[in-house]
PDB file of N, CA and C in Angstrom:
ATOM      1  N   MET A   1     108.324 121.067 101.421  1.00  0.00           N
ATOM      2  CA  MET A   1     109.062 120.134 100.578  1.00  0.00           C
ATOM      3  C   MET A   1     109.795 120.928  99.493  1.00  0.00           C
ATOM      4  N   SER A   2     111.003 120.542  99.257  1.00  0.00           N
ATOM      5  CA  SER A   2     111.852 121.183  98.265  1.00  0.00           C
ATOM      6  C   SER A   2     111.377 120.850  96.850  1.00  0.00           C
ATOM      7  N   LYS A   3     111.580 121.781  95.935  1.00  0.00           N
ATOM      8  CA  LYS A   3     111.232 121.503  94.538  1.00  0.00           C
ATOM      9  C   LYS A   3     112.097 120.379  93.972  1.00  0.00           C
ATOM     10  N   TYR A   4     113.264 120.166  94.571  1.00  0.00           N
ATOM     11  CA  TYR A   4     114.147 119.092  94.106  1.00  0.00           C
ATOM     12  C   TYR A   4     113.710 117.715  94.616  1.00  0.00           C
ATOM     13  N   ALA A   5     112.787 117.694  95.566  1.00  0.00           N
ATOM     14  CA  ALA A   5     112.294 116.423  96.102  1.00  0.00           C
ATOM     15  C   ALA A   5     111.277 115.772  95.167  1.00  0.00           C
ATOM     16  N   ILE A   6     110.716 116.534  94.259  1.00  0.00           N
ATOM     17  CA  ILE A   6     109.675 116.005  93.375  1.00  0.00           C
ATOM     18  C   ILE A   6     110.225 114.913  92.459  1.00  0.00           C
ATOM     19  N   LEU A   7     111.396 115.140  91.874  1.00  0.00           N
ATOM     20  CA  LEU A   7     111.959 114.146  90.947  1.00  0.00           C
ATOM     21  C   LEU A   7     112.218 112.781  91.592  1.00  0.00           C
ATOM     22  N   PRO A   8     112.885 112.711  92.756  1.00  0.00           N
ATOM     23  CA  PRO A   8     113.078 111.385  93.339  1.00  0.00           C
ATOM     24  C   PRO A   8     111.767 110.707  93.736  1.00  0.00           C
ATOM     25  N   ILE A   9     110.789 111.486  94.165  1.00  0.00           N
ATOM     26  CA  ILE A   9     109.492 110.896  94.521  1.00  0.00           C
ATOM     27  C   ILE A   9     108.814 110.331  93.279  1.00  0.00           C
ATOM     28  N   LEU A  10     108.798 111.107  92.207  1.00  0.00           N
ATOM     29  CA  LEU A  10     108.200 110.615  90.957  1.00  0.00           C
ATOM     30  C   LEU A  10     108.947 109.400  90.422  1.00  0.00           C
ATOM     31  N   TRP A  11     110.270 109.422  90.540  1.00  0.00           N
ATOM     32  CA  TRP A  11     111.080 108.292  90.075  1.00  0.00           C
ATOM     33  C   TRP A  11     110.764 107.038  90.891  1.00  0.00           C
ATOM     34  N   ALA A  12     110.603 107.182  92.201  1.00  0.00           N
ATOM     35  CA  ALA A  12     110.266 106.040  93.066  1.00  0.00           C
ATOM     36  C   ALA A  12     108.903 105.476  92.685  1.00  0.00           C
ATOM     37  N   ILE A  13     107.950 106.355  92.368  1.00  0.00           N
ATOM     38  CA  ILE A  13     106.630 105.893  91.930  1.00  0.00           C
ATOM     39  C   ILE A  13     106.743 105.167  90.603  1.00  0.00           C
ATOM     40  N   LEU A  14     107.529 105.692  89.675  1.00  0.00           N
ATOM     41  CA  LEU A  14     107.729 105.045  88.379  1.00  0.00           C
ATOM     42  C   LEU A  14     108.328 103.651  88.557  1.00  0.00           C
ATOM     43  N   ILE A  15     109.298 103.518  89.441  1.00  0.00           N
ATOM     44  CA  ILE A  15     109.899 102.216  89.709  1.00  0.00           C
ATOM     45  C   ILE A  15     108.831 101.244  90.201  1.00  0.00           C
ATOM     46  N   ALA A  16     107.986 101.681  91.133  1.00  0.00           N
ATOM     47  CA  ALA A  16     106.937 100.817  91.668  1.00  0.00           C
ATOM     48  C   ALA A  16     105.961 100.389  90.569  1.00  0.00           C
ATOM     49  N   VAL A  17     105.605 101.327  89.703  1.00  0.00           N
ATOM     50  CA  VAL A  17     104.690 101.005  88.598  1.00  0.00           C
ATOM     51  C   VAL A  17     105.339  99.985  87.663  1.00  0.00           C
ATOM     52  N   LEU A  18     106.593 100.204  87.313  1.00  0.00           N
ATOM     53  CA  LEU A  18     107.281  99.274  86.419  1.00  0.00           C
ATOM     54  C   LEU A  18     107.412  97.887  87.038  1.00  0.00           C
ATOM     55  N   CYS A  19     107.672  97.837  88.336  1.00  0.00           N
ATOM     56  CA  CYS A  19     107.797  96.539  89.015  1.00  0.00           C
ATOM     57  C   CYS A  19     106.452  95.833  89.129  1.00  0.00           C
ATOM     58  N   GLY A  20     105.355  96.589  89.045  1.00  0.00           N
ATOM     59  CA  GLY A  20     104.030  96.002  89.158  1.00  0.00           C
ATOM     60  C   GLY A  20     103.414  95.569  87.840  1.00  0.00           C
ATOM     61  N   ILE A  21     104.098  95.867  86.729  1.00  0.00           N
ATOM     62  CA  ILE A  21     103.574  95.460  85.421  1.00  0.00           C
ATOM     63  C   ILE A  21     103.519  93.934  85.368  1.00  0.00           C
ATOM     64  N   PRO A  22     102.366  93.371  84.953  1.00  0.00           N
ATOM     65  CA  PRO A  22     102.284  91.909  84.840  1.00  0.00           C
ATOM     66  C   PRO A  22     103.367  91.347  83.923  1.00  0.00           C
ATOM     67  N   GLY A  23     103.865  90.178  84.276  1.00  0.00           N
ATOM     68  CA  GLY A  23     104.952  89.548  83.524  1.00  0.00           C
ATOM     69  C   GLY A  23     104.662  89.387  82.046  1.00  0.00           C
ATOM     70  N   ARG A  24     103.402  89.112  81.707  1.00  0.00           N
ATOM     71  CA  ARG A  24     103.044  88.894  80.297  1.00  0.00           C
ATOM     72  C   ARG A  24     103.184  90.164  79.465  1.00  0.00           C
ATOM     73  N   ASP A  25     103.163  91.332  80.128  1.00  0.00           N
ATOM     74  CA  ASP A  25     103.251  92.603  79.413  1.00  0.00           C
ATOM     75  C   ASP A  25     104.682  93.107  79.250  1.00  0.00           C
ATOM     76  N   ILE A  26     105.643  92.367  79.771  1.00  0.00           N
ATOM     77  CA  ILE A  26     107.049  92.758  79.664  1.00  0.00           C
ATOM     78  C   ILE A  26     107.646  92.063  78.450  1.00  0.00           C
ATOM     79  N   PRO A  27     108.233  92.825  77.530  1.00  0.00           N
ATOM     80  CA  PRO A  27     108.814  92.189  76.337  1.00  0.00           C
ATOM     81  C   PRO A  27     109.990  91.270  76.702  1.00  0.00           C
ATOM     82  N   HIS A  28     110.050  90.147  76.041  1.00  0.00           N
ATOM     83  CA  HIS A  28     111.145  89.195  76.251  1.00  0.00           C
ATOM     84  C   HIS A  28     111.978  89.142  74.974  1.00  0.00           C
ATOM     85  N   ILE A  29     113.221  89.530  75.104  1.00  0.00           N
ATOM     86  CA  ILE A  29     114.149  89.503  73.973  1.00  0.00           C
ATOM     87  C   ILE A  29     115.271  88.558  74.360  1.00  0.00           C
ATOM     88  N   SER A  30     115.377  87.446  73.658  1.00  0.00           N
ATOM     89  CA  SER A  30     116.249  86.349  74.099  1.00  0.00           C
ATOM     90  C   SER A  30     117.712  86.754  74.279  1.00  0.00           C
ATOM     91  N   PHE A  31     118.288  87.521  73.368  1.00  0.00           N
ATOM     92  CA  PHE A  31     119.713  87.841  73.519  1.00  0.00           C
ATOM     93  C   PHE A  31     119.946  88.759  74.719  1.00  0.00           C
ATOM     94  N   LEU A  32     118.959  89.589  75.080  1.00  0.00           N
ATOM     95  CA  LEU A  32     119.108  90.426  76.269  1.00  0.00           C
ATOM     96  C   LEU A  32     119.029  89.588  77.542  1.00  0.00           C
ATOM     97  N   GLU A  33     118.245  88.523  77.506  1.00  0.00           N
ATOM     98  CA  GLU A  33     118.156  87.638  78.662  1.00  0.00           C
ATOM     99  C   GLU A  33     119.471  86.897  78.864  1.00  0.00           C
ATOM    100  N   ILE A  34     120.157  86.592  77.790  1.00  0.00           N
ATOM    101  CA  ILE A  34     121.436  85.892  77.881  1.00  0.00           C
ATOM    102  C   ILE A  34     122.466  86.738  78.627  1.00  0.00           C
ATOM    103  N   ILE A  35     122.493  88.045  78.372  1.00  0.00           N
ATOM    104  CA  ILE A  35     123.477  88.904  79.034  1.00  0.00           C
ATOM    105  C   ILE A  35     122.931  89.516  80.331  1.00  0.00           C
ATOM    106  N   SER A  36     121.774  89.034  80.785  1.00  0.00           N
ATOM    107  CA  SER A  36     121.144  89.511  82.027  1.00  0.00           C
ATOM    108  C   SER A  36     120.936  91.023  82.012  1.00  0.00           C
ATOM    109  N   PHE A  37     120.457  91.518  80.888  1.00  0.00           N
ATOM    110  CA  PHE A  37     120.205  92.950  80.728  1.00  0.00           C
ATOM    111  C   PHE A  37     119.285  93.473  81.828  1.00  0.00           C
ATOM    112  N   ASP A  38     118.358  92.639  82.245  1.00  0.00           N
ATOM    113  CA  ASP A  38     117.418  92.974  83.310  1.00  0.00           C
ATOM    114  C   ASP A  38     118.138  93.461  84.565  1.00  0.00           C
ATOM    115  N   LYS A  39     119.246  92.852  84.899  1.00  0.00           N
ATOM    116  CA  LYS A  39     119.985  93.243  86.112  1.00  0.00           C
ATOM    117  C   LYS A  39     120.627  94.611  85.946  1.00  0.00           C
ATOM    118  N   PHE A  40     121.076  94.936  84.743  1.00  0.00           N
ATOM    119  CA  PHE A  40     121.616  96.267  84.475  1.00  0.00           C
ATOM    120  C   PHE A  40     120.523  97.328  84.607  1.00  0.00           C
ATOM    121  N   VAL A  41     119.313  96.986  84.158  1.00  0.00           N
ATOM    122  CA  VAL A  41     118.178  97.899  84.282  1.00  0.00           C
ATOM    123  C   VAL A  41     117.871  98.144  85.753  1.00  0.00           C
ATOM    124  N   HIS A  42     117.817  97.057  86.547  1.00  0.00           N
ATOM    125  CA  HIS A  42     117.560  97.201  87.979  1.00  0.00           C
ATOM    126  C   HIS A  42     118.613  98.095  88.636  1.00  0.00           C
ATOM    127  N   ALA A  43     119.869  97.825  88.375  1.00  0.00           N
ATOM    128  CA  ALA A  43     120.936  98.639  88.960  1.00  0.00           C
ATOM    129  C   ALA A  43     120.814 100.094  88.506  1.00  0.00           C
ATOM    130  N   GLY A  44     120.514 100.291  87.245  1.00  0.00           N
ATOM    131  CA  GLY A  44     120.410 101.643  86.692  1.00  0.00           C
ATOM    132  C   GLY A  44     119.282 102.458  87.280  1.00  0.00           C
ATOM    133  N   ILE A  45     118.102 101.853  87.437  1.00  0.00           N
ATOM    134  CA  ILE A  45     116.976 102.637  87.940  1.00  0.00           C
ATOM    135  C   ILE A  45     117.160 102.979  89.424  1.00  0.00           C
ATOM    136  N   PHE A  46     117.798 102.091  90.168  1.00  0.00           N
ATOM    137  CA  PHE A  46     118.054 102.407  91.580  1.00  0.00           C
ATOM    138  C   PHE A  46     119.230 103.370  91.718  1.00  0.00           C
ATOM    139  N   PHE A  47     120.180 103.316  90.805  1.00  0.00           N
ATOM    140  CA  PHE A  47     121.261 104.301  90.768  1.00  0.00           C
ATOM    141  C   PHE A  47     120.660 105.696  90.594  1.00  0.00           C
ATOM    142  N   VAL A  48     119.759 105.833  89.634  1.00  0.00           N
ATOM    143  CA  VAL A  48     119.123 107.131  89.368  1.00  0.00           C
ATOM    144  C   VAL A  48     118.313 107.581  90.580  1.00  0.00           C
ATOM    145  N   LEU A  49     117.598 106.673  91.224  1.00  0.00           N
ATOM    146  CA  LEU A  49     116.813 107.026  92.407  1.00  0.00           C
ATOM    147  C   LEU A  49     117.694 107.648  93.491  1.00  0.00           C
ATOM    148  N   ILE A  50     118.828 107.029  93.756  1.00  0.00           N
ATOM    149  CA  ILE A  50     119.710 107.537  94.806  1.00  0.00           C
ATOM    150  C   ILE A  50     120.390 108.834  94.377  1.00  0.00           C
ATOM    151  N   VAL A  51     120.805 108.933  93.133  1.00  0.00           N
ATOM    152  CA  VAL A  51     121.421 110.183  92.652  1.00  0.00           C
ATOM    153  C   VAL A  51     120.431 111.335  92.759  1.00  0.00           C
ATOM    154  N   LEU A  52     119.179 111.105  92.351  1.00  0.00           N
ATOM    155  CA  LEU A  52     118.171 112.166  92.461  1.00  0.00           C
ATOM    156  C   LEU A  52     117.920 112.539  93.917  1.00  0.00           C
ATOM    157  N   SER A  53     117.910 111.553  94.787  1.00  0.00           N
ATOM    158  CA  SER A  53     117.696 111.818  96.214  1.00  0.00           C
ATOM    159  C   SER A  53     118.868 112.583  96.810  1.00  0.00           C
ATOM    160  N   LEU A  54     120.078 112.181  96.473  1.00  0.00           N
ATOM    161  CA  LEU A  54     121.264 112.893  96.961  1.00  0.00           C
ATOM    162  C   LEU A  54     121.294 114.318  96.424  1.00  0.00           C
ATOM    163  N   ARG A  55     120.892 114.474  95.186  1.00  0.00           N
ATOM    164  CA  ARG A  55     120.845 115.812  94.571  1.00  0.00           C
ATOM    165  C   ARG A  55     119.879 116.709  95.338  1.00  0.00           C
ATOM    166  N   ASN A  56     118.744 116.159  95.740  1.00  0.00           N
ATOM    167  CA  ASN A  56     117.768 116.926  96.506  1.00  0.00           C
ATOM    168  C   ASN A  56     118.409 117.496  97.767  1.00  0.00           C
ATOM    169  N   PHE A  57     119.088 116.659  98.528  1.00  0.00           N
ATOM    170  CA  PHE A  57     119.707 117.124  99.765  1.00  0.00           C
ATOM    171  C   PHE A  57     120.895 118.044  99.489  1.00  0.00           C
ATOM    172  N   SER A  58     121.610 117.769  98.405  1.00  0.00           N
ATOM    173  CA  SER A  58     122.754 118.596  98.041  1.00  0.00           C
ATOM    174  C   SER A  58     122.298 120.004  97.663  1.00  0.00           C
ATOM    175  N   LYS A  59     121.228 120.105  96.906  1.00  0.00           N
ATOM    176  CA  LYS A  59     120.712 121.412  96.486  1.00  0.00           C
ATOM    177  C   LYS A  59     120.197 122.214  97.677  1.00  0.00           C
ATOM    178  N   ASN A  60     119.728 121.515  98.715  1.00  0.00           N
ATOM    179  CA  ASN A  60     119.222 122.195  99.908  1.00  0.00           C
ATOM    180  C   ASN A  60     120.302 122.396 100.965  1.00  0.00           C
ATOM    181  N   ASN A  61     121.543 122.072 100.617  1.00  0.00           N
ATOM    182  CA  ASN A  61     122.686 122.195 101.532  1.00  0.00           C
ATOM    183  C   ASN A  61     122.475 121.420 102.840  1.00  0.00           C
ATOM    184  N   THR A  62     121.792 120.288 102.749  1.00  0.00           N
ATOM    185  CA  THR A  62     121.568 119.461 103.938  1.00  0.00           C
ATOM    186  C   THR A  62     122.144 118.061 103.758  1.00  0.00           C
ATOM    187  N   LEU A  63     123.025 117.901 102.774  1.00  0.00           N
ATOM    188  CA  LEU A  63     123.606 116.581 102.526  1.00  0.00           C
ATOM    189  C   LEU A  63     124.775 116.349 103.476  1.00  0.00           C
ATOM    190  N   LYS A  64     124.601 115.410 104.371  1.00  0.00           N
ATOM    191  CA  LYS A  64     125.642 115.013 105.311  1.00  0.00           C
ATOM    192  C   LYS A  64     125.969 113.551 105.051  1.00  0.00           C
ATOM    193  N   SER A  65     127.078 113.081 105.591  1.00  0.00           N
ATOM    194  CA  SER A  65     127.427 111.677 105.371  1.00  0.00           C
ATOM    195  C   SER A  65     126.372 110.758 105.962  1.00  0.00           C
ATOM    196  N   THR A  66     125.772 111.151 107.088  1.00  0.00           N
ATOM    197  CA  THR A  66     124.711 110.304 107.657  1.00  0.00           C
ATOM    198  C   THR A  66     123.497 110.271 106.740  1.00  0.00           C
ATOM    199  N   THR A  67     123.194 111.393 106.094  1.00  0.00           N
ATOM    200  CA  THR A  67     122.073 111.444 105.153  1.00  0.00           C
ATOM    201  C   THR A  67     122.315 110.481 104.004  1.00  0.00           C
ATOM    202  N   LYS A  68     123.561 110.432 103.522  1.00  0.00           N
ATOM    203  CA  LYS A  68     123.896 109.504 102.440  1.00  0.00           C
ATOM    204  C   LYS A  68     123.592 108.071 102.834  1.00  0.00           C
ATOM    205  N   TYR A  69     123.945 107.715 104.060  1.00  0.00           N
ATOM    206  CA  TYR A  69     123.738 106.339 104.498  1.00  0.00           C
ATOM    207  C   TYR A  69     122.265 106.038 104.753  1.00  0.00           C
ATOM    208  N   TYR A  70     121.507 107.035 105.197  1.00  0.00           N
ATOM    209  CA  TYR A  70     120.059 106.844 105.339  1.00  0.00           C
ATOM    210  C   TYR A  70     119.419 106.628 103.966  1.00  0.00           C
ATOM    211  N   LEU A  71     119.845 107.413 102.980  1.00  0.00           N
ATOM    212  CA  LEU A  71     119.315 107.243 101.627  1.00  0.00           C
ATOM    213  C   LEU A  71     119.725 105.892 101.048  1.00  0.00           C
ATOM    214  N   LEU A  72     120.947 105.469 101.318  1.00  0.00           N
ATOM    215  CA  LEU A  72     121.396 104.151 100.872  1.00  0.00           C
ATOM    216  C   LEU A  72     120.517 103.063 101.489  1.00  0.00           C
ATOM    217  N   ALA A  73     120.271 103.152 102.783  1.00  0.00           N
ATOM    218  CA  ALA A  73     119.421 102.163 103.470  1.00  0.00           C
ATOM    219  C   ALA A  73     118.003 102.204 102.919  1.00  0.00           C
ATOM    220  N   PHE A  74     117.491 103.420 102.660  1.00  0.00           N
ATOM    221  CA  PHE A  74     116.154 103.544 102.084  1.00  0.00           C
ATOM    222  C   PHE A  74     116.091 102.856 100.723  1.00  0.00           C
ATOM    223  N   GLY A  75     117.071 103.144  99.856  1.00  0.00           N
ATOM    224  CA  GLY A  75     117.075 102.560  98.514  1.00  0.00           C
ATOM    225  C   GLY A  75     117.125 101.046  98.542  1.00  0.00           C
ATOM    226  N   ILE A  76     117.986 100.504  99.378  1.00  0.00           N
ATOM    227  CA  ILE A  76     118.089  99.039  99.485  1.00  0.00           C
ATOM    228  C   ILE A  76     116.792  98.468 100.051  1.00  0.00           C
ATOM    229  N   GLY A  77     116.255  99.110 101.082  1.00  0.00           N
ATOM    230  CA  GLY A  77     114.992  98.651 101.659  1.00  0.00           C
ATOM    231  C   GLY A  77     113.842  98.727 100.676  1.00  0.00           C
ATOM    232  N   TYR A  78     113.795  99.787  99.887  1.00  0.00           N
ATOM    233  CA  TYR A  78     112.749  99.955  98.878  1.00  0.00           C
ATOM    234  C   TYR A  78     112.856  98.854  97.820  1.00  0.00           C
ATOM    235  N   GLY A  79     114.074  98.538  97.416  1.00  0.00           N
ATOM    236  CA  GLY A  79     114.279  97.463  96.442  1.00  0.00           C
ATOM    237  C   GLY A  79     113.824  96.120  96.994  1.00  0.00           C
ATOM    238  N   ILE A  80     114.125  95.859  98.251  1.00  0.00           N
ATOM    239  CA  ILE A  80     113.695  94.605  98.890  1.00  0.00           C
ATOM    240  C   ILE A  80     112.172  94.566  98.985  1.00  0.00           C
ATOM    241  N   LEU A  81     111.568  95.675  99.408  1.00  0.00           N
ATOM    242  CA  LEU A  81     110.110  95.736  99.516  1.00  0.00           C
ATOM    243  C   LEU A  81     109.441  95.452  98.175  1.00  0.00           C
ATOM    244  N   LEU A  82     109.931  96.059  97.116  1.00  0.00           N
ATOM    245  CA  LEU A  82     109.339  95.841  95.797  1.00  0.00           C
ATOM    246  C   LEU A  82     109.476  94.389  95.349  1.00  0.00           C
ATOM    247  N   GLU A  83     110.593  93.757  95.660  1.00  0.00           N
ATOM    248  CA  GLU A  83     110.752  92.337  95.317  1.00  0.00           C
ATOM    249  C   GLU A  83     109.792  91.470  96.114  1.00  0.00           C
ATOM    250  N   ILE A  84     109.596  91.799  97.386  1.00  0.00           N
ATOM    251  CA  ILE A  84     108.623  91.062  98.199  1.00  0.00           C
ATOM    252  C   ILE A  84     107.220  91.223  97.610  1.00  0.00           C
ATOM    253  N   LEU A  85     106.877  92.450  97.215  1.00  0.00           N
ATOM    254  CA  LEU A  85     105.568  92.693  96.598  1.00  0.00           C
ATOM    255  C   LEU A  85     105.424  91.934  95.284  1.00  0.00           C
ATOM    256  N   GLN A  86     106.508  91.833  94.529  1.00  0.00           N
ATOM    257  CA  GLN A  86     106.452  91.067  93.277  1.00  0.00           C
ATOM    258  C   GLN A  86     106.161  89.597  93.558  1.00  0.00           C
ATOM    259  N   GLY A  87     106.710  89.081  94.627  1.00  0.00           N
ATOM    260  CA  GLY A  87     106.486  87.682  94.958  1.00  0.00           C
ATOM    261  C   GLY A  87     105.132  87.425  95.587  1.00  0.00           C
ATOM    262  N   ALA A  88     104.573  88.433  96.270  1.00  0.00           N
ATOM    263  CA  ALA A  88     103.356  88.209  97.040  1.00  0.00           C
ATOM    264  C   ALA A  88     102.087  88.783  96.418  1.00  0.00           C
ATOM    265  N   ILE A  89     102.202  89.920  95.730  1.00  0.00           N
ATOM    266  CA  ILE A  89     100.989  90.626  95.305  1.00  0.00           C
ATOM    267  C   ILE A  89     100.892  90.831  93.798  1.00  0.00           C
ATOM    268  N   PHE A  90     101.960  91.285  93.180  1.00  0.00           N
ATOM    269  CA  PHE A  90     101.903  91.649  91.770  1.00  0.00           C
ATOM    270  C   PHE A  90     101.627  90.423  90.902  1.00  0.00           C
ATOM    271  N   ILE A  91     100.824  90.619  89.873  1.00  0.00           N
ATOM    272  CA  ILE A  91     100.391  89.535  88.990  1.00  0.00           C
ATOM    273  C   ILE A  91     101.521  89.096  88.067  1.00  0.00           C
ATOM    274  N   GLU A  92     101.689  87.783  87.971  1.00  0.00           N
ATOM    275  CA  GLU A  92     102.680  87.166  87.080  1.00  0.00           C
ATOM    276  C   GLU A  92     104.092  87.715  87.290  1.00  0.00           C
ATOM    277  N   ARG A  93     104.416  88.030  88.526  1.00  0.00           N
ATOM    278  CA  ARG A  93     105.755  88.482  88.872  1.00  0.00           C
ATOM    279  C   ARG A  93     106.273  87.579  89.981  1.00  0.00           C
ATOM    280  N   SER A  94     107.565  87.534  90.132  1.00  0.00           N
ATOM    281  CA  SER A  94     108.151  86.723  91.199  1.00  0.00           C
ATOM    282  C   SER A  94     109.327  87.472  91.811  1.00  0.00           C
ATOM    283  N   ALA A  95     109.560  87.198  93.080  1.00  0.00           N
ATOM    284  CA  ALA A  95     110.698  87.806  93.772  1.00  0.00           C
ATOM    285  C   ALA A  95     111.980  87.146  93.290  1.00  0.00           C
ATOM    286  N   ASP A  96     113.026  87.933  93.186  1.00  0.00           N
ATOM    287  CA  ASP A  96     114.300  87.416  92.696  1.00  0.00           C
ATOM    288  C   ASP A  96     115.435  88.034  93.509  1.00  0.00           C
ATOM    289  N   ILE A  97     116.168  87.196  94.190  1.00  0.00           N
ATOM    290  CA  ILE A  97     117.282  87.679  95.023  1.00  0.00           C
ATOM    291  C   ILE A  97     118.330  88.403  94.178  1.00  0.00           C
ATOM    292  N   TYR A  98     118.482  87.996  92.922  1.00  0.00           N
ATOM    293  CA  TYR A  98     119.467  88.655  92.063  1.00  0.00           C
ATOM    294  C   TYR A  98     119.015  90.070  91.685  1.00  0.00           C
ATOM    295  N   ASP A  99     117.701  90.295  91.634  1.00  0.00           N
ATOM    296  CA  ASP A  99     117.205  91.657  91.434  1.00  0.00           C
ATOM    297  C   ASP A  99     117.508  92.511  92.660  1.00  0.00           C
ATOM    298  N   VAL A 100     117.348  91.937  93.841  1.00  0.00           N
ATOM    299  CA  VAL A 100     117.680  92.652  95.080  1.00  0.00           C
ATOM    300  C   VAL A 100     119.152  93.044  95.068  1.00  0.00           C
ATOM    301  N   ILE A 101     119.994  92.126  94.651  1.00  0.00           N
ATOM    302  CA  ILE A 101     121.436  92.403  94.597  1.00  0.00           C
ATOM    303  C   ILE A 101     121.719  93.512  93.578  1.00  0.00           C
ATOM    304  N   ALA A 102     121.078  93.448  92.419  1.00  0.00           N
ATOM    305  CA  ALA A 102     121.279  94.478  91.390  1.00  0.00           C
ATOM    306  C   ALA A 102     120.769  95.838  91.876  1.00  0.00           C
ATOM    307  N   ASN A 103     119.591  95.854  92.513  1.00  0.00           N
ATOM    308  CA  ASN A 103     119.055  97.104  93.054  1.00  0.00           C
ATOM    309  C   ASN A 103     120.031  97.702  94.068  1.00  0.00           C
ATOM    310  N   SER A 104     120.505  96.854  94.956  1.00  0.00           N
ATOM    311  CA  SER A 104     121.424  97.292  96.014  1.00  0.00           C
ATOM    312  C   SER A 104     122.730  97.793  95.421  1.00  0.00           C
ATOM    313  N   PHE A 105     123.225  97.116  94.400  1.00  0.00           N
ATOM    314  CA  PHE A 105     124.458  97.540  93.736  1.00  0.00           C
ATOM    315  C   PHE A 105     124.296  98.947  93.158  1.00  0.00           C
ATOM    316  N   GLY A 106     123.150  99.211  92.518  1.00  0.00           N
ATOM    317  CA  GLY A 106     122.898 100.541  91.971  1.00  0.00           C
ATOM    318  C   GLY A 106     122.883 101.604  93.057  1.00  0.00           C
ATOM    319  N   CYS A 107     122.284 101.274  94.205  1.00  0.00           N
ATOM    320  CA  CYS A 107     122.236 102.208  95.336  1.00  0.00           C
ATOM    321  C   CYS A 107     123.630 102.497  95.884  1.00  0.00           C
ATOM    322  N   VAL A 108     124.409 101.447  96.064  1.00  0.00           N
ATOM    323  CA  VAL A 108     125.763 101.596  96.604  1.00  0.00           C
ATOM    324  C   VAL A 108     126.633 102.397  95.634  1.00  0.00           C
ATOM    325  N   LEU A 109     126.557 102.068  94.360  1.00  0.00           N
ATOM    326  CA  LEU A 109     127.357 102.766  93.356  1.00  0.00           C
ATOM    327  C   LEU A 109     127.011 104.253  93.334  1.00  0.00           C
ATOM    328  N   ALA A 110     125.742 104.583  93.392  1.00  0.00           N
ATOM    329  CA  ALA A 110     125.332 105.990  93.385  1.00  0.00           C
ATOM    330  C   ALA A 110     125.821 106.712  94.634  1.00  0.00           C
ATOM    331  N   THR A 111     125.691 106.060  95.785  1.00  0.00           N
ATOM    332  CA  THR A 111     126.087 106.685  97.048  1.00  0.00           C
ATOM    333  C   THR A 111     127.563 107.032  97.061  1.00  0.00           C
ATOM    334  N   PHE A 112     128.384 106.106  96.605  1.00  0.00           N
ATOM    335  CA  PHE A 112     129.829 106.322  96.711  1.00  0.00           C
ATOM    336  C   PHE A 112     130.445 107.023  95.503  1.00  0.00           C
ATOM    337  N   SER A 113     129.652 107.249  94.449  1.00  0.00           N
ATOM    338  CA  SER A 113     130.206 107.964  93.294  1.00  0.00           C
ATOM    339  C   SER A 113     129.586 109.348  93.130  1.00  0.00           C
ATOM    340  N   PHE A 114     128.638 109.714  93.979  1.00  0.00           N
ATOM    341  CA  PHE A 114     127.931 110.981  93.815  1.00  0.00           C
ATOM    342  C   PHE A 114     128.873 112.180  93.802  1.00  0.00           C
ATOM    343  N   ASN A 115     129.792 112.247  94.740  1.00  0.00           N
ATOM    344  CA  ASN A 115     130.714 113.397  94.784  1.00  0.00           C
ATOM    345  C   ASN A 115     131.562 113.469  93.523  1.00  0.00           C
ATOM    346  N   LYS A 116     131.983 112.325  93.015  1.00  0.00           N
ATOM    347  CA  LYS A 116     132.778 112.302  91.789  1.00  0.00           C
ATOM    348  C   LYS A 116     131.917 112.722  90.596  1.00  0.00           C
ATOM    349  N   LEU A 117     130.664 112.263  90.586  1.00  0.00           N
ATOM    350  CA  LEU A 117     129.759 112.632  89.494  1.00  0.00           C
ATOM    351  C   LEU A 117     129.522 114.137  89.458  1.00  0.00           C
ATOM    352  N   LYS A 118     129.458 114.775  90.620  1.00  0.00           N
ATOM    353  CA  LYS A 118     129.255 116.220  90.679  1.00  0.00           C
ATOM    354  C   LYS A 118     130.417 116.980  90.052  1.00  0.00           C
ATOM    355  N   GLN A 119     131.582 116.374  89.980  1.00  0.00           N
ATOM    356  CA  GLN A 119     132.773 117.040  89.437  1.00  0.00           C
ATOM    357  C   GLN A 119     132.896 116.892  87.925  1.00  0.00           C
ATOM    358  N   ILE A 120     132.171 115.960  87.344  1.00  0.00           N
ATOM    359  CA  ILE A 120     132.245 115.744  85.897  1.00  0.00           C
ATOM    360  C   ILE A 120     131.584 116.925  85.186  1.00  0.00           C
ATOM    361  N   LYS A 121     132.290 117.509  84.244  1.00  0.00           N
ATOM    362  CA  LYS A 121     131.845 118.740  83.598  1.00  0.00           C
ATOM    363  C   LYS A 121     130.435 118.643  83.027  1.00  0.00           C
ATOM    364  N   LEU A 122     130.123 117.579  82.317  1.00  0.00           N
ATOM    365  CA  LEU A 122     128.819 117.467  81.673  1.00  0.00           C
ATOM    366  C   LEU A 122     127.681 117.334  82.684  1.00  0.00           C
ATOM    367  N   LEU A 123     127.946 116.743  83.836  1.00  0.00           N
ATOM    368  CA  LEU A 123     126.906 116.515  84.822  1.00  0.00           C
ATOM    369  C   LEU A 123     126.843 117.611  85.877  1.00  0.00           C
ATOM    370  N   LYS A 124     127.903 118.381  86.002  1.00  0.00           N
ATOM    371  CA  LYS A 124     128.007 119.374  87.060  1.00  0.00           C
ATOM    372  C   LYS A 124     126.785 120.311  87.146  1.00  0.00           C
ATOM    373  N   PRO A 125     126.284 120.840  86.001  1.00  0.00           N
ATOM    374  CA  PRO A 125     125.118 121.731  86.116  1.00  0.00           C
ATOM    375  C   PRO A 125     123.884 121.043  86.697  1.00  0.00           C
ATOM    376  N   PHE A 126     123.771 119.749  86.525  1.00  0.00           N
ATOM    377  CA  PHE A 126     122.592 119.020  86.990  1.00  0.00           C
ATOM    378  C   PHE A 126     122.709 118.562  88.435  1.00  0.00           C
ATOM    379  N   LEU A 127     123.937 118.339  88.912  1.00  0.00           N
ATOM    380  CA  LEU A 127     124.116 117.724  90.216  1.00  0.00           C
ATOM    381  C   LEU A 127     124.655 118.640  91.294  1.00  0.00           C
ATOM    382  N   SER A 128     125.303 119.734  90.914  1.00  0.00           N
ATOM    383  CA  SER A 128     125.901 120.580  91.971  1.00  0.00           C
ATOM    384  C   SER A 128     124.938 121.642  92.442  1.00  0.00           C
TER     385      SER A 128
END
């Protein structure tokens, strides 16, 4: 396993832990609920998951277009699985189709912007 694979694996575990936190332990801030801040968080954490995963393959010179699509499918599937677990197993949590959409949006955005992100000067040392 590549040393670059550790970050996406740890990030995926962190996402699962955060999704499993009981609803009563999640802070509720009314003005953030009005602007659906939660959906931005979902998109953001899945964006980071895919960027870290793409970076792993990029650093190992094994990033192909098919790999990108496999990672995209994995990210979307992982988001769906976590929502199903929220509805079925996790305490005081519920599945939400809009969370699935936000998770998927983050995955898609990361997949199709990764090459552009690698060209940005500030991010280049981290992603190329």
